[in-house]
Amino acid sequence: MTAIVLGASADRAKFGNKAVRAFASTGWNTVPVNPREASVEGIKVVPDLASAPLNAEVLSIYLPPQVTLGLVFAIAAAGPKEVWLNPGADDPAVSAALRAEGLRVRELCSIIELGLSPADLP
C-alpha cells in the first residue's frame, strides 16, 4: 500500500517527519512530498503531487489549511482513495473543498491511526 505524506519534513521534531517514520515502519510504501527537501529519513522526496504516484491508498496532509486550499485540485488529480487531515491541517473549508472534488476525507492523526503514538517516535 502507498501513502503520500504531503508536508513531509526532515526535522524529526515535526509531525510531518514522524508520519513518514510511522508509515514506513508499518510497511507502507511511503512517498514524502516537499519542494524544499531531497530526502526524509532516507526516503527520496518528490517536490510536488504531480511527481507522486497516482491513486495511493492514503494521502496524509501536514500543511496549514490555507496552503492545502491552494492544492485541492492537485490533490484531486492525484486520485488518492482517502485523504487524511491531521490535527492542525483539519479545517471545515478544506474538508468541504476536498469532498466537493469527490474525495473521501477523514480527520484523524495518521500516526495514531497506524497504531502508534507520536511519543513513540521521538
PDB file of N, CA and C in Angstrom:
ATOM      1  N   MET A   1       0.845  -1.179   0.000  1.00  0.00           N
ATOM      2  CA  MET A   1       0.000   0.000   0.000  1.00  0.00           C
ATOM      3  C   MET A   1       0.886   1.237   0.000  1.00  0.00           C
ATOM      4  N   THR A   2       0.393   2.292  -0.638  1.00  0.00           N
ATOM      5  CA  THR A   2       1.162   3.523  -0.762  1.00  0.00           C
ATOM      6  C   THR A   2       0.518   4.650   0.030  1.00  0.00           C
ATOM      7  N   ALA A   3       1.352   5.377   0.765  1.00  0.00           N
ATOM      8  CA  ALA A   3       0.931   6.569   1.496  1.00  0.00           C
ATOM      9  C   ALA A   3       1.769   7.748   1.032  1.00  0.00           C
ATOM     10  N   ILE A   4       1.106   8.811   0.656  1.00  0.00           N
ATOM     11  CA  ILE A   4       1.767  10.058   0.310  1.00  0.00           C
ATOM     12  C   ILE A   4       1.667  10.977   1.522  1.00  0.00           C
ATOM     13  N   VAL A   5       2.781  11.525   1.955  1.00  0.00           N
ATOM     14  CA  VAL A   5       2.792  12.438   3.096  1.00  0.00           C
ATOM     15  C   VAL A   5       3.078  13.836   2.561  1.00  0.00           C
ATOM     16  N   LEU A   6       2.027  14.633   2.467  1.00  0.00           N
ATOM     17  CA  LEU A   6       2.121  15.997   1.959  1.00  0.00           C
ATOM     18  C   LEU A   6       2.479  16.918   3.118  1.00  0.00           C
ATOM     19  N   GLY A   7       3.649  17.540   3.017  1.00  0.00           N
ATOM     20  CA  GLY A   7       4.160  18.353   4.115  1.00  0.00           C
ATOM     21  C   GLY A   7       5.180  17.588   4.939  1.00  0.00           C
ATOM     22  N   ALA A   8       5.788  16.577   4.323  1.00  0.00           N
ATOM     23  CA  ALA A   8       6.839  15.810   4.997  1.00  0.00           C
ATOM     24  C   ALA A   8       7.982  16.744   5.359  1.00  0.00           C
ATOM     25  N   SER A   9       8.686  16.408   6.421  1.00  0.00           N
ATOM     26  CA  SER A   9       9.767  17.271   6.896  1.00  0.00           C
ATOM     27  C   SER A   9      10.976  16.438   7.299  1.00  0.00           C
ATOM     28  N   ALA A  10      12.155  16.985   7.085  1.00  0.00           N
ATOM     29  CA  ALA A  10      13.389  16.345   7.546  1.00  0.00           C
ATOM     30  C   ALA A  10      13.619  16.602   9.037  1.00  0.00           C
ATOM     31  N   ASP A  11      12.880  17.532   9.620  1.00  0.00           N
ATOM     32  CA  ASP A  11      13.000  17.867  11.037  1.00  0.00           C
ATOM     33  C   ASP A  11      12.287  16.790  11.863  1.00  0.00           C
ATOM     34  N   ARG A  12      13.050  15.990  12.594  1.00  0.00           N
ATOM     35  CA  ARG A  12      12.486  14.862  13.340  1.00  0.00           C
ATOM     36  C   ARG A  12      11.501  15.280  14.425  1.00  0.00           C
ATOM     37  N   ALA A  13      11.492  16.541  14.820  1.00  0.00           N
ATOM     38  CA  ALA A  13      10.545  17.018  15.829  1.00  0.00           C
ATOM     39  C   ALA A  13       9.164  17.305  15.243  1.00  0.00           C
ATOM     40  N   LYS A  14       9.078  17.420  13.921  1.00  0.00           N
ATOM     41  CA  LYS A  14       7.807  17.770  13.278  1.00  0.00           C
ATOM     42  C   LYS A  14       6.987  16.520  12.969  1.00  0.00           C
ATOM     43  N   PHE A  15       5.681  16.688  13.029  1.00  0.00           N
ATOM     44  CA  PHE A  15       4.791  15.565  12.775  1.00  0.00           C
ATOM     45  C   PHE A  15       4.846  15.109  11.320  1.00  0.00           C
ATOM     46  N   GLY A  16       5.223  15.989  10.410  1.00  0.00           N
ATOM     47  CA  GLY A  16       5.405  15.587   9.015  1.00  0.00           C
ATOM     48  C   GLY A  16       6.573  14.623   8.848  1.00  0.00           C
ATOM     49  N   ASN A  17       7.484  14.608   9.791  1.00  0.00           N
ATOM     50  CA  ASN A  17       8.574  13.629   9.810  1.00  0.00           C
ATOM     51  C   ASN A  17       8.132  12.363  10.534  1.00  0.00           C
ATOM     52  N   LYS A  18       7.482  12.542  11.676  1.00  0.00           N
ATOM     53  CA  LYS A  18       7.024  11.391  12.446  1.00  0.00           C
ATOM     54  C   LYS A  18       6.068  10.534  11.618  1.00  0.00           C
ATOM     55  N   ALA A  19       5.246  11.167  10.799  1.00  0.00           N
ATOM     56  CA  ALA A  19       4.309  10.413   9.962  1.00  0.00           C
ATOM     57  C   ALA A  19       5.057   9.586   8.918  1.00  0.00           C
ATOM     58  N   VAL A  20       6.089  10.158   8.330  1.00  0.00           N
ATOM     59  CA  VAL A  20       6.895   9.387   7.370  1.00  0.00           C
ATOM     60  C   VAL A  20       7.462   8.159   8.061  1.00  0.00           C
ATOM     61  N   ARG A  21       8.004   8.342   9.257  1.00  0.00           N
ATOM     62  CA  ARG A  21       8.554   7.215  10.004  1.00  0.00           C
ATOM     63  C   ARG A  21       7.480   6.197  10.368  1.00  0.00           C
ATOM     64  N   ALA A  22       6.305   6.689  10.748  1.00  0.00           N
ATOM     65  CA  ALA A  22       5.216   5.786  11.138  1.00  0.00           C
ATOM     66  C   ALA A  22       4.744   4.948   9.955  1.00  0.00           C
ATOM     67  N   PHE A  23       4.499   5.590   8.816  1.00  0.00           N
ATOM     68  CA  PHE A  23       4.063   4.835   7.635  1.00  0.00           C
ATOM     69  C   PHE A  23       5.133   3.825   7.220  1.00  0.00           C
ATOM     70  N   ALA A  24       6.376   4.270   7.147  1.00  0.00           N
ATOM     71  CA  ALA A  24       7.460   3.377   6.704  1.00  0.00           C
ATOM     72  C   ALA A  24       7.635   2.206   7.668  1.00  0.00           C
ATOM     73  N   SER A  25       7.554   2.466   8.966  1.00  0.00           N
ATOM     74  CA  SER A  25       7.782   1.398   9.953  1.00  0.00           C
ATOM     75  C   SER A  25       6.644   0.387  10.002  1.00  0.00           C
ATOM     76  N   THR A  26       5.493   0.744   9.449  1.00  0.00           N
ATOM     77  CA  THR A  26       4.360  -0.191   9.431  1.00  0.00           C
ATOM     78  C   THR A  26       4.182  -0.824   8.055  1.00  0.00           C
ATOM     79  N   GLY A  27       5.194  -0.678   7.198  1.00  0.00           N
ATOM     80  CA  GLY A  27       5.215  -1.413   5.940  1.00  0.00           C
ATOM     81  C   GLY A  27       4.619  -0.722   4.729  1.00  0.00           C
ATOM     82  N   TRP A  28       4.263   0.519   4.858  1.00  0.00           N
ATOM     83  CA  TRP A  28       3.708   1.262   3.728  1.00  0.00           C
ATOM     84  C   TRP A  28       4.828   1.721   2.793  1.00  0.00           C
ATOM     85  N   ASN A  29       4.557   1.727   1.500  1.00  0.00           N
ATOM     86  CA  ASN A  29       5.412   2.414   0.538  1.00  0.00           C
ATOM     87  C   ASN A  29       5.142   3.900   0.779  1.00  0.00           C
ATOM     88  N   THR A  30       6.104   4.609   1.306  1.00  0.00           N
ATOM     89  CA  THR A  30       5.901   5.978   1.776  1.00  0.00           C
ATOM     90  C   THR A  30       6.533   6.962   0.814  1.00  0.00           C
ATOM     91  N   VAL A  31       5.739   7.953   0.392  1.00  0.00           N
ATOM     92  CA  VAL A  31       6.195   8.956  -0.567  1.00  0.00           C
ATOM     93  C   VAL A  31       6.088  10.333   0.093  1.00  0.00           C
ATOM     94  N   PRO A  32       7.207  10.867   0.593  1.00  0.00           N
ATOM     95  CA  PRO A  32       7.185  12.211   1.166  1.00  0.00           C
ATOM     96  C   PRO A  32       7.120  13.261   0.053  1.00  0.00           C
ATOM     97  N   VAL A  33       6.352  14.325   0.300  1.00  0.00           N
ATOM     98  CA  VAL A  33       6.246  15.426  -0.662  1.00  0.00           C
ATOM     99  C   VAL A  33       6.643  16.714   0.043  1.00  0.00           C
ATOM    100  N   ASN A  34       7.652  17.381  -0.520  1.00  0.00           N
ATOM    101  CA  ASN A  34       8.100  18.668   0.000  1.00  0.00           C
ATOM    102  C   ASN A  34       9.041  19.278  -1.048  1.00  0.00           C
ATOM    103  N   PRO A  35       8.743  20.485  -1.517  1.00  0.00           N
ATOM    104  CA  PRO A  35       9.586  21.080  -2.562  1.00  0.00           C
ATOM    105  C   PRO A  35      10.976  21.511  -2.084  1.00  0.00           C
ATOM    106  N   ARG A  36      11.210  21.516  -0.762  1.00  0.00           N
ATOM    107  CA  ARG A  36      12.485  22.010  -0.242  1.00  0.00           C
ATOM    108  C   ARG A  36      13.367  20.929   0.374  1.00  0.00           C
ATOM    109  N   GLU A  37      12.965  19.673   0.285  1.00  0.00           N
ATOM    110  CA  GLU A  37      13.754  18.585   0.871  1.00  0.00           C
ATOM    111  C   GLU A  37      14.170  17.610  -0.231  1.00  0.00           C
ATOM    112  N   ALA A  38      15.324  16.993  -0.074  1.00  0.00           N
ATOM    113  CA  ALA A  38      15.772  15.954  -1.015  1.00  0.00           C
ATOM    114  C   ALA A  38      15.399  14.569  -0.512  1.00  0.00           C
ATOM    115  N   SER A  39      15.481  14.393   0.820  1.00  0.00           N
ATOM    116  CA  SER A  39      15.097  13.122   1.409  1.00  0.00           C
ATOM    117  C   SER A  39      14.597  13.355   2.824  1.00  0.00           C
ATOM    118  N   VAL A  40      13.786  12.431   3.273  1.00  0.00           N
ATOM    119  CA  VAL A  40      13.296  12.433   4.651  1.00  0.00           C
ATOM    120  C   VAL A  40      13.479  11.015   5.173  1.00  0.00           C
ATOM    121  N   GLU A  41      14.252  10.889   6.230  1.00  0.00           N
ATOM    122  CA  GLU A  41      14.515   9.578   6.834  1.00  0.00           C
ATOM    123  C   GLU A  41      15.034   8.577   5.811  1.00  0.00           C
ATOM    124  N   GLY A  42      15.862   9.056   4.885  1.00  0.00           N
ATOM    125  CA  GLY A  42      16.464   8.196   3.883  1.00  0.00           C
ATOM    126  C   GLY A  42      15.556   7.855   2.711  1.00  0.00           C
ATOM    127  N   ILE A  43      14.373   8.424   2.689  1.00  0.00           N
ATOM    128  CA  ILE A  43      13.414   8.187   1.608  1.00  0.00           C
ATOM    129  C   ILE A  43      13.443   9.392   0.671  1.00  0.00           C
ATOM    130  N   LYS A  44      13.580   9.126  -0.624  1.00  0.00           N
ATOM    131  CA  LYS A  44      13.606  10.203  -1.618  1.00  0.00           C
ATOM    132  C   LYS A  44      12.291  10.971  -1.586  1.00  0.00           C
ATOM    133  N   VAL A  45      12.405  12.278  -1.577  1.00  0.00           N
ATOM    134  CA  VAL A  45      11.242  13.169  -1.543  1.00  0.00           C
ATOM    135  C   VAL A  45      10.892  13.594  -2.964  1.00  0.00           C
ATOM    136  N   VAL A  46       9.604  13.666  -3.259  1.00  0.00           N
ATOM    137  CA  VAL A  46       9.167  14.243  -4.524  1.00  0.00           C
ATOM    138  C   VAL A  46       8.760  15.699  -4.247  1.00  0.00           C
ATOM    139  N   PRO A  47       8.974  16.588  -5.222  1.00  0.00           N
ATOM    140  CA  PRO A  47       8.765  18.011  -4.962  1.00  0.00           C
ATOM    141  C   PRO A  47       7.307  18.456  -4.958  1.00  0.00           C
ATOM    142  N   ASP A  48       6.426  17.672  -5.592  1.00  0.00           N
ATOM    143  CA  ASP A  48       5.028  18.091  -5.697  1.00  0.00           C
ATOM    144  C   ASP A  48       4.148  16.877  -5.954  1.00  0.00           C
ATOM    145  N   LEU A  49       2.854  17.074  -5.866  1.00  0.00           N
ATOM    146  CA  LEU A  49       1.927  15.958  -6.060  1.00  0.00           C
ATOM    147  C   LEU A  49       1.954  15.408  -7.478  1.00  0.00           C
ATOM    148  N   ALA A  50       2.262  16.248  -8.445  1.00  0.00           N
ATOM    149  CA  ALA A  50       2.336  15.775  -9.831  1.00  0.00           C
ATOM    150  C   ALA A  50       3.446  14.742 -10.007  1.00  0.00           C
ATOM    151  N   SER A  51       4.425  14.748  -9.099  1.00  0.00           N
ATOM    152  CA  SER A  51       5.541  13.792  -9.156  1.00  0.00           C
ATOM    153  C   SER A  51       5.302  12.552  -8.303  1.00  0.00           C
ATOM    154  N   ALA A  52       4.189  12.530  -7.585  1.00  0.00           N
ATOM    155  CA  ALA A  52       3.864  11.403  -6.712  1.00  0.00           C
ATOM    156  C   ALA A  52       3.060  10.357  -7.484  1.00  0.00           C
ATOM    157  N   PRO A  53       3.050   9.127  -6.992  1.00  0.00           N
ATOM    158  CA  PRO A  53       2.262   8.091  -7.670  1.00  0.00           C
ATOM    159  C   PRO A  53       0.767   8.419  -7.619  1.00  0.00           C
ATOM    160  N   LEU A  54       0.067   8.018  -8.657  1.00  0.00           N
ATOM    161  CA  LEU A  54      -1.384   8.219  -8.712  1.00  0.00           C
ATOM    162  C   LEU A  54      -2.093   7.127  -7.921  1.00  0.00           C
ATOM    163  N   ASN A  55      -3.270   7.461  -7.432  1.00  0.00           N
ATOM    164  CA  ASN A  55      -4.181   6.509  -6.797  1.00  0.00           C
ATOM    165  C   ASN A  55      -3.622   5.820  -5.560  1.00  0.00           C
ATOM    166  N   ALA A  56      -2.860   6.550  -4.757  1.00  0.00           N
ATOM    167  CA  ALA A  56      -2.362   5.999  -3.493  1.00  0.00           C
ATOM    168  C   ALA A  56      -3.546   5.668  -2.586  1.00  0.00           C
ATOM    169  N   GLU A  57      -3.331   4.731  -1.702  1.00  0.00           N
ATOM    170  CA  GLU A  57      -4.388   4.398  -0.748  1.00  0.00           C
ATOM    171  C   GLU A  57      -4.681   5.591   0.162  1.00  0.00           C
ATOM    172  N   VAL A  58      -3.618   6.283   0.597  1.00  0.00           N
ATOM    173  CA  VAL A  58      -3.773   7.399   1.537  1.00  0.00           C
ATOM    174  C   VAL A  58      -2.908   8.572   1.110  1.00  0.00           C
ATOM    175  N   LEU A  59      -3.470   9.755   1.214  1.00  0.00           N
ATOM    176  CA  LEU A  59      -2.712  10.994   1.095  1.00  0.00           C
ATOM    177  C   LEU A  59      -2.910  11.705   2.430  1.00  0.00           C
ATOM    178  N   SER A  60      -1.856  11.745   3.232  1.00  0.00           N
ATOM    179  CA  SER A  60      -1.913  12.301   4.577  1.00  0.00           C
ATOM    180  C   SER A  60      -1.335  13.716   4.553  1.00  0.00           C
ATOM    181  N   ILE A  61      -2.094  14.669   5.090  1.00  0.00           N
ATOM    182  CA  ILE A  61      -1.716  16.082   4.955  1.00  0.00           C
ATOM    183  C   ILE A  61      -1.235  16.669   6.277  1.00  0.00           C
ATOM    184  N   TYR A  62      -0.055  17.319   6.195  1.00  0.00           N
ATOM    185  CA  TYR A  62       0.566  18.033   7.306  1.00  0.00           C
ATOM    186  C   TYR A  62       0.904  19.450   6.858  1.00  0.00           C
ATOM    187  N   LEU A  63      -0.088  20.167   6.383  1.00  0.00           N
ATOM    188  CA  LEU A  63       0.092  21.544   5.923  1.00  0.00           C
ATOM    189  C   LEU A  63      -0.966  22.429   6.573  1.00  0.00           C
ATOM    190  N   PRO A  64      -0.694  23.726   6.687  1.00  0.00           N
ATOM    191  CA  PRO A  64      -1.729  24.631   7.180  1.00  0.00           C
ATOM    192  C   PRO A  64      -2.924  24.645   6.212  1.00  0.00           C
ATOM    193  N   PRO A  65      -4.128  24.808   6.736  1.00  0.00           N
ATOM    194  CA  PRO A  65      -5.313  24.792   5.880  1.00  0.00           C
ATOM    195  C   PRO A  65      -5.250  25.745   4.688  1.00  0.00           C
ATOM    196  N   GLN A  66      -4.710  26.957   4.880  1.00  0.00           N
ATOM    197  CA  GLN A  66      -4.680  27.908   3.769  1.00  0.00           C
ATOM    198  C   GLN A  66      -3.785  27.421   2.640  1.00  0.00           C
ATOM    199  N   VAL A  67      -2.743  26.662   2.953  1.00  0.00           N
ATOM    200  CA  VAL A  67      -1.880  26.087   1.925  1.00  0.00           C
ATOM    201  C   VAL A  67      -2.619  24.946   1.220  1.00  0.00           C
ATOM    202  N   THR A  68      -3.268  24.096   2.001  1.00  0.00           N
ATOM    203  CA  THR A  68      -3.988  22.961   1.432  1.00  0.00           C
ATOM    204  C   THR A  68      -5.100  23.424   0.491  1.00  0.00           C
ATOM    205  N   LEU A  69      -5.784  24.503   0.841  1.00  0.00           N
ATOM    206  CA  LEU A  69      -6.852  25.011  -0.031  1.00  0.00           C
ATOM    207  C   LEU A  69      -6.332  25.333  -1.429  1.00  0.00           C
ATOM    208  N   GLY A  70      -5.090  25.776  -1.525  1.00  0.00           N
ATOM    209  CA  GLY A  70      -4.485  26.061  -2.825  1.00  0.00           C
ATOM    210  C   GLY A  70      -4.071  24.811  -3.586  1.00  0.00           C
ATOM    211  N   LEU A  71      -4.143  23.662  -2.936  1.00  0.00           N
ATOM    212  CA  LEU A  71      -3.707  22.399  -3.552  1.00  0.00           C
ATOM    213  C   LEU A  71      -4.857  21.426  -3.807  1.00  0.00           C
ATOM    214  N   VAL A  72      -6.082  21.861  -3.585  1.00  0.00           N
ATOM    215  CA  VAL A  72      -7.235  20.968  -3.701  1.00  0.00           C
ATOM    216  C   VAL A  72      -7.285  20.272  -5.058  1.00  0.00           C
ATOM    217  N   PHE A  73      -7.094  21.006  -6.145  1.00  0.00           N
ATOM    218  CA  PHE A  73      -7.186  20.391  -7.475  1.00  0.00           C
ATOM    219  C   PHE A  73      -6.032  19.421  -7.715  1.00  0.00           C
ATOM    220  N   ALA A  74      -4.844  19.742  -7.214  1.00  0.00           N
ATOM    221  CA  ALA A  74      -3.701  18.827  -7.348  1.00  0.00           C
ATOM    222  C   ALA A  74      -3.932  17.557  -6.528  1.00  0.00           C
ATOM    223  N   ILE A  75      -4.525  17.694  -5.360  1.00  0.00           N
ATOM    224  CA  ILE A  75      -4.837  16.529  -4.529  1.00  0.00           C
ATOM    225  C   ILE A  75      -5.852  15.648  -5.256  1.00  0.00           C
ATOM    226  N   ALA A  76      -6.889  16.272  -5.786  1.00  0.00           N
ATOM    227  CA  ALA A  76      -7.906  15.502  -6.519  1.00  0.00           C
ATOM    228  C   ALA A  76      -7.291  14.808  -7.734  1.00  0.00           C
ATOM    229  N   ALA A  77      -6.398  15.496  -8.437  1.00  0.00           N
ATOM    230  CA  ALA A  77      -5.761  14.908  -9.630  1.00  0.00           C
ATOM    231  C   ALA A  77      -4.894  13.709  -9.272  1.00  0.00           C
ATOM    232  N   ALA A  78      -4.352  13.688  -8.047  1.00  0.00           N
ATOM    233  CA  ALA A  78      -3.531  12.561  -7.607  1.00  0.00           C
ATOM    234  C   ALA A  78      -4.381  11.312  -7.372  1.00  0.00           C
ATOM    235  N   GLY A  79      -5.676  11.499  -7.163  1.00  0.00           N
ATOM    236  CA  GLY A  79      -6.600  10.376  -7.057  1.00  0.00           C
ATOM    237  C   GLY A  79      -6.453   9.452  -5.867  1.00  0.00           C
ATOM    238  N   PRO A  80      -6.124   9.974  -4.682  1.00  0.00           N
ATOM    239  CA  PRO A  80      -5.994   9.056  -3.541  1.00  0.00           C
ATOM    240  C   PRO A  80      -7.338   8.447  -3.162  1.00  0.00           C
ATOM    241  N   LYS A  81      -7.287   7.235  -2.616  1.00  0.00           N
ATOM    242  CA  LYS A  81      -8.524   6.597  -2.166  1.00  0.00           C
ATOM    243  C   LYS A  81      -9.079   7.312  -0.930  1.00  0.00           C
ATOM    244  N   GLU A  82      -8.187   7.811  -0.062  1.00  0.00           N
ATOM    245  CA  GLU A  82      -8.592   8.591   1.103  1.00  0.00           C
ATOM    246  C   GLU A  82      -7.609   9.726   1.327  1.00  0.00           C
ATOM    247  N   VAL A  83      -8.135  10.827   1.858  1.00  0.00           N
ATOM    248  CA  VAL A  83      -7.302  11.940   2.293  1.00  0.00           C
ATOM    249  C   VAL A  83      -7.439  12.026   3.808  1.00  0.00           C
ATOM    250  N   TRP A  84      -6.299  11.998   4.493  1.00  0.00           N
ATOM    251  CA  TRP A  84      -6.305  12.104   5.944  1.00  0.00           C
ATOM    252  C   TRP A  84      -5.819  13.498   6.326  1.00  0.00           C
ATOM    253  N   LEU A  85      -6.692  14.242   7.009  1.00  0.00           N
ATOM    254  CA  LEU A  85      -6.341  15.575   7.508  1.00  0.00           C
ATOM    255  C   LEU A  85      -5.951  15.438   8.975  1.00  0.00           C
ATOM    256  N   ASN A  86      -4.706  15.704   9.247  1.00  0.00           N
ATOM    257  CA  ASN A  86      -4.171  15.582  10.591  1.00  0.00           C
ATOM    258  C   ASN A  86      -4.475  16.814  11.425  1.00  0.00           C
ATOM    259  N   PRO A  87      -4.367  16.706  12.757  1.00  0.00           N
ATOM    260  CA  PRO A  87      -4.592  17.878  13.596  1.00  0.00           C
ATOM    261  C   PRO A  87      -3.729  19.053  13.132  1.00  0.00           C
ATOM    262  N   GLY A  88      -4.348  20.187  13.019  1.00  0.00           N
ATOM    263  CA  GLY A  88      -3.679  21.377  12.500  1.00  0.00           C
ATOM    264  C   GLY A  88      -3.905  21.561  11.012  1.00  0.00           C
ATOM    265  N   ALA A  89      -4.163  20.469  10.309  1.00  0.00           N
ATOM    266  CA  ALA A  89      -4.474  20.528   8.873  1.00  0.00           C
ATOM    267  C   ALA A  89      -5.976  20.411   8.652  1.00  0.00           C
ATOM    268  N   ASP A  90      -6.662  19.891   9.676  1.00  0.00           N
ATOM    269  CA  ASP A  90      -8.104  19.717   9.556  1.00  0.00           C
ATOM    270  C   ASP A  90      -8.798  21.070   9.670  1.00  0.00           C
ATOM    271  N   ASP A  91      -9.724  21.296   8.788  1.00  0.00           N
ATOM    272  CA  ASP A  91     -10.430  22.569   8.720  1.00  0.00           C
ATOM    273  C   ASP A  91     -11.715  22.329   7.934  1.00  0.00           C
ATOM    274  N   PRO A  92     -12.840  22.863   8.376  1.00  0.00           N
ATOM    275  CA  PRO A  92     -14.096  22.617   7.659  1.00  0.00           C
ATOM    276  C   PRO A  92     -14.053  23.047   6.184  1.00  0.00           C
ATOM    277  N   ALA A  93     -13.387  24.156   5.885  1.00  0.00           N
ATOM    278  CA  ALA A  93     -13.318  24.613   4.493  1.00  0.00           C
ATOM    279  C   ALA A  93     -12.492  23.652   3.634  1.00  0.00           C
ATOM    280  N   VAL A  94     -11.419  23.125   4.199  1.00  0.00           N
ATOM    281  CA  VAL A  94     -10.586  22.164   3.474  1.00  0.00           C
ATOM    282  C   VAL A  94     -11.372  20.875   3.240  1.00  0.00           C
ATOM    283  N   SER A  95     -12.009  20.377   4.285  1.00  0.00           N
ATOM    284  CA  SER A  95     -12.805  19.151   4.145  1.00  0.00           C
ATOM    285  C   SER A  95     -13.875  19.329   3.077  1.00  0.00           C
ATOM    286  N   ALA A  96     -14.580  20.443   3.119  1.00  0.00           N
ATOM    287  CA  ALA A  96     -15.651  20.693   2.152  1.00  0.00           C
ATOM    288  C   ALA A  96     -15.104  20.772   0.728  1.00  0.00           C
ATOM    289  N   ALA A  97     -13.984  21.458   0.547  1.00  0.00           N
ATOM    290  CA  ALA A  97     -13.406  21.605  -0.794  1.00  0.00           C
ATOM    291  C   ALA A  97     -12.946  20.252  -1.344  1.00  0.00           C
ATOM    292  N   LEU A  98     -12.346  19.425  -0.500  1.00  0.00           N
ATOM    293  CA  LEU A  98     -11.889  18.113  -0.945  1.00  0.00           C
ATOM    294  C   LEU A  98     -13.075  17.195  -1.257  1.00  0.00           C
ATOM    295  N   ARG A  99     -14.089  17.248  -0.411  1.00  0.00           N
ATOM    296  CA  ARG A  99     -15.289  16.434  -0.656  1.00  0.00           C
ATOM    297  C   ARG A  99     -15.995  16.876  -1.931  1.00  0.00           C
ATOM    298  N   ALA A 100     -15.989  18.166  -2.198  1.00  0.00           N
ATOM    299  CA  ALA A 100     -16.613  18.682  -3.422  1.00  0.00           C
ATOM    300  C   ALA A 100     -15.920  18.129  -4.664  1.00  0.00           C
ATOM    301  N   GLU A 101     -14.655  17.723  -4.519  1.00  0.00           N
ATOM    302  CA  GLU A 101     -13.909  17.107  -5.626  1.00  0.00           C
ATOM    303  C   GLU A 101     -14.101  15.590  -5.660  1.00  0.00           C
ATOM    304  N   GLY A 102     -14.981  15.085  -4.792  1.00  0.00           N
ATOM    305  CA  GLY A 102     -15.292  13.664  -4.794  1.00  0.00           C
ATOM    306  C   GLY A 102     -14.353  12.808  -3.971  1.00  0.00           C
ATOM    307  N   LEU A 103     -13.569  13.425  -3.108  1.00  0.00           N
ATOM    308  CA  LEU A 103     -12.595  12.679  -2.306  1.00  0.00           C
ATOM    309  C   LEU A 103     -13.188  12.250  -0.966  1.00  0.00           C
ATOM    310  N   ARG A 104     -12.747  11.086  -0.505  1.00  0.00           N
ATOM    311  CA  ARG A 104     -13.119  10.617   0.829  1.00  0.00           C
ATOM    312  C   ARG A 104     -12.137  11.243   1.812  1.00  0.00           C
ATOM    313  N   VAL A 105     -12.664  11.985   2.781  1.00  0.00           N
ATOM    314  CA  VAL A 105     -11.827  12.729   3.730  1.00  0.00           C
ATOM    315  C   VAL A 105     -12.064  12.200   5.134  1.00  0.00           C
ATOM    316  N   ARG A 106     -10.966  11.981   5.842  1.00  0.00           N
ATOM    317  CA  ARG A 106     -11.034  11.597   7.246  1.00  0.00           C
ATOM    318  C   ARG A 106     -10.173  12.569   8.041  1.00  0.00           C
ATOM    319  N   GLU A 107     -10.699  12.997   9.184  1.00  0.00           N
ATOM    320  CA  GLU A 107      -9.958  13.884  10.080  1.00  0.00           C
ATOM    321  C   GLU A 107      -9.466  13.038  11.244  1.00  0.00           C
ATOM    322  N   LEU A 108      -8.147  12.848  11.285  1.00  0.00           N
ATOM    323  CA  LEU A 108      -7.552  11.956  12.277  1.00  0.00           C
ATOM    324  C   LEU A 108      -6.063  12.220  12.366  1.00  0.00           C
ATOM    325  N   CYS A 109      -5.418  11.560  13.294  1.00  0.00           N
ATOM    326  CA  CYS A 109      -3.959  11.588  13.384  1.00  0.00           C
ATOM    327  C   CYS A 109      -3.449  10.321  12.701  1.00  0.00           C
ATOM    328  N   SER A 110      -2.694  10.492  11.635  1.00  0.00           N
ATOM    329  CA  SER A 110      -2.180   9.339  10.880  1.00  0.00           C
ATOM    330  C   SER A 110      -1.402   8.390  11.769  1.00  0.00           C
ATOM    331  N   ILE A 111      -0.596   8.939  12.638  1.00  0.00           N
ATOM    332  CA  ILE A 111       0.273   8.112  13.478  1.00  0.00           C
ATOM    333  C   ILE A 111      -0.564   7.221  14.390  1.00  0.00           C
ATOM    334  N   ILE A 112      -1.572   7.791  15.006  1.00  0.00           N
ATOM    335  CA  ILE A 112      -2.453   7.018  15.882  1.00  0.00           C
ATOM    336  C   ILE A 112      -3.268   6.018  15.057  1.00  0.00           C
ATOM    337  N   GLU A 113      -3.727   6.424  13.880  1.00  0.00           N
ATOM    338  CA  GLU A 113      -4.488   5.523  13.011  1.00  0.00           C
ATOM    339  C   GLU A 113      -3.659   4.290  12.630  1.00  0.00           C
ATOM    340  N   LEU A 114      -2.350   4.459  12.546  1.00  0.00           N
ATOM    341  CA  LEU A 114      -1.458   3.347  12.223  1.00  0.00           C
ATOM    342  C   LEU A 114      -1.136   2.475  13.438  1.00  0.00           C
ATOM    343  N   GLY A 115      -1.694   2.835  14.592  1.00  0.00           N
ATOM    344  CA  GLY A 115      -1.500   2.045  15.804  1.00  0.00           C
ATOM    345  C   GLY A 115      -0.273   2.427  16.605  1.00  0.00           C
ATOM    346  N   LEU A 116       0.274   3.597  16.316  1.00  0.00           N
ATOM    347  CA  LEU A 116       1.458   4.086  17.040  1.00  0.00           C
ATOM    348  C   LEU A 116       1.091   5.334  17.826  1.00  0.00           C
ATOM    349  N   SER A 117       2.006   5.763  18.655  1.00  0.00           N
ATOM    350  CA  SER A 117       1.848   7.009  19.388  1.00  0.00           C
ATOM    351  C   SER A 117       2.949   7.967  18.943  1.00  0.00           C
ATOM    352  N   PRO A 118       2.612   9.245  18.743  1.00  0.00           N
ATOM    353  CA  PRO A 118       3.669  10.204  18.407  1.00  0.00           C
ATOM    354  C   PRO A 118       4.803  10.199  19.439  1.00  0.00           C
ATOM    355  N   ALA A 119       4.485   9.897  20.676  1.00  0.00           N
ATOM    356  CA  ALA A 119       5.515   9.850  21.722  1.00  0.00           C
ATOM    357  C   ALA A 119       6.508   8.718  21.500  1.00  0.00           C
ATOM    358  N   ASP A 120       6.074   7.693  20.750  1.00  0.00           N
ATOM    359  CA  ASP A 120       6.970   6.566  20.446  1.00  0.00           C
ATOM    360  C   ASP A 120       7.945   6.891  19.323  1.00  0.00           C
ATOM    361  N   LEU A 121       7.805   8.045  18.708  1.00  0.00           N
ATOM    362  CA  LEU A 121       8.629   8.450  17.573  1.00  0.00           C
ATOM    363  C   LEU A 121       9.389   9.727  17.922  1.00  0.00           C
ATOM    364  N   PRO A 122      10.291   9.649  18.904  1.00  0.00           N
ATOM    365  CA  PRO A 122      10.980  10.884  19.359  1.00  0.00           C
ATOM    366  C   PRO A 122      11.883  11.471  18.303  1.00  0.00           C
TER     367      PRO A 122
END
